Protein backbone atom coordinates (compact mmCIF):
# COMPACT_ATOMS: atom_id res chain seq x y z
CA MET A 1 -70.09 41.37 -43.62
CA THR A 2 -70.82 43.30 -46.85
CA PRO A 3 -69.55 46.92 -46.95
CA PRO A 4 -72.13 49.67 -47.48
CA ALA A 5 -72.76 50.60 -51.13
CA ASP A 6 -71.21 54.05 -50.63
CA ASP A 7 -68.03 52.63 -49.08
CA PRO A 8 -65.00 54.11 -50.98
CA HIS A 9 -63.33 50.70 -50.67
CA ASP A 10 -66.17 48.98 -52.51
CA LEU A 11 -63.97 48.22 -55.50
CA PRO A 12 -65.06 46.44 -58.68
CA GLN A 13 -64.34 42.74 -58.96
CA MET A 14 -60.83 42.26 -60.32
CA ASP A 15 -60.68 40.50 -63.65
CA PHE A 16 -58.22 40.75 -66.52
CA ALA A 17 -60.13 43.55 -68.27
CA THR A 18 -60.22 45.60 -65.06
CA PHE A 19 -56.48 45.02 -64.64
CA LEU A 20 -55.82 46.22 -68.20
CA LEU A 21 -57.98 49.30 -67.68
CA SER A 22 -56.06 50.06 -64.50
CA LEU A 23 -52.75 49.94 -66.40
CA ASN A 24 -54.31 52.07 -69.15
CA HIS A 25 -55.26 54.68 -66.57
CA SER A 26 -51.73 54.62 -65.17
CA VAL A 27 -50.28 55.38 -68.61
CA ARG A 28 -52.89 58.13 -69.14
CA MET A 29 -51.95 59.71 -65.80
CA HIS A 30 -48.28 59.76 -66.76
CA LEU A 31 -49.15 61.22 -70.15
CA GLY A 32 -50.97 64.04 -68.38
CA ASP A 33 -54.34 62.96 -69.81
CA ALA A 34 -55.85 61.87 -66.47
CA PRO A 35 -55.52 63.24 -62.96
CA HIS A 36 -53.47 61.58 -60.26
CA PRO A 37 -55.37 60.41 -57.15
CA ASP A 38 -54.64 63.75 -55.46
CA GLY A 39 -56.24 65.61 -58.39
CA SER A 40 -53.00 66.96 -59.83
CA VAL A 41 -52.18 66.56 -63.51
CA GLU A 42 -48.53 66.03 -64.34
CA ARG A 43 -46.76 64.65 -67.36
CA ASP A 44 -43.93 62.15 -66.90
CA PRO A 45 -43.03 60.59 -70.27
CA ALA A 46 -40.49 58.19 -68.74
CA LEU A 47 -43.10 56.67 -66.42
CA ALA A 48 -45.65 56.64 -69.25
CA LYS A 49 -43.19 54.71 -71.41
CA GLN A 50 -42.46 52.25 -68.61
CA SER A 51 -46.16 51.60 -67.99
CA LEU A 52 -46.74 51.20 -71.73
CA GLU A 53 -43.88 48.69 -71.88
CA ILE A 54 -45.53 46.72 -69.04
CA LEU A 55 -48.69 46.44 -71.16
CA GLU A 56 -46.61 45.36 -74.17
CA LEU A 57 -44.83 42.73 -72.09
CA LEU A 58 -48.15 41.50 -70.78
CA GLN A 59 -49.47 41.21 -74.32
CA GLU A 60 -46.44 39.17 -75.34
CA LYS A 61 -46.58 36.87 -72.29
CA THR A 62 -50.33 36.23 -72.51
CA LYS A 63 -50.44 35.55 -76.27
CA GLY A 64 -52.73 32.60 -76.92
CA ASN A 65 -54.15 32.61 -73.38
CA LEU A 66 -56.72 35.40 -73.60
CA THR A 67 -60.35 35.39 -74.63
CA GLY A 68 -61.24 37.19 -77.84
CA ALA A 69 -62.65 40.12 -75.87
CA GLU A 70 -59.49 40.37 -73.75
CA GLU A 71 -57.27 40.29 -76.86
CA ARG A 72 -59.34 43.02 -78.52
CA LEU A 73 -59.25 45.18 -75.41
CA MET A 74 -55.48 44.75 -75.06
CA SER A 75 -54.89 45.56 -78.74
CA GLN A 76 -57.15 48.62 -78.69
CA LEU A 77 -55.62 50.02 -75.50
CA LEU A 78 -52.09 49.53 -76.81
CA HIS A 79 -52.97 51.08 -80.17
CA ASP A 80 -54.50 54.17 -78.55
CA LEU A 81 -51.73 54.56 -75.98
CA ARG A 82 -48.95 54.18 -78.57
CA LEU A 83 -50.55 56.87 -80.73
CA ARG A 84 -50.91 59.24 -77.78
CA PHE A 85 -47.38 58.55 -76.57
CA ALA A 86 -46.01 59.23 -80.06
CA GLU A 87 -48.03 62.46 -80.26
CA ILE A 88 -46.64 63.68 -76.95
CA SER A 89 -43.11 62.55 -77.82
CA ARG A 90 -43.24 64.62 -81.03
CA GLY A 91 -44.21 67.65 -78.99
CA ALA A 92 -47.76 67.88 -80.34
CA GLY A 93 -49.09 67.32 -76.84
CA GLY A 94 -47.27 70.29 -75.38
CA LEU A 95 -44.15 68.59 -74.04
């Protein structure tokens, strides 16, 4: 049985890009750049760093096994997140 189109559990098909974007959102939440599921916005640099390190580990472990598009997405996300993390760590983001 197919769920109705407005079903809140009608999630996108999981693929590697969706997985990376999910991890990206997790880092953004911990950086205070995106709301948590309850709508609150909180900054937790330690959790942001841990989530960022998960992405870095994933990049290392998947080297040579990704499509060109997946590699570009991973590189771009990591680049952007590292810059934002550094900005917040320096205090420019209001820490």
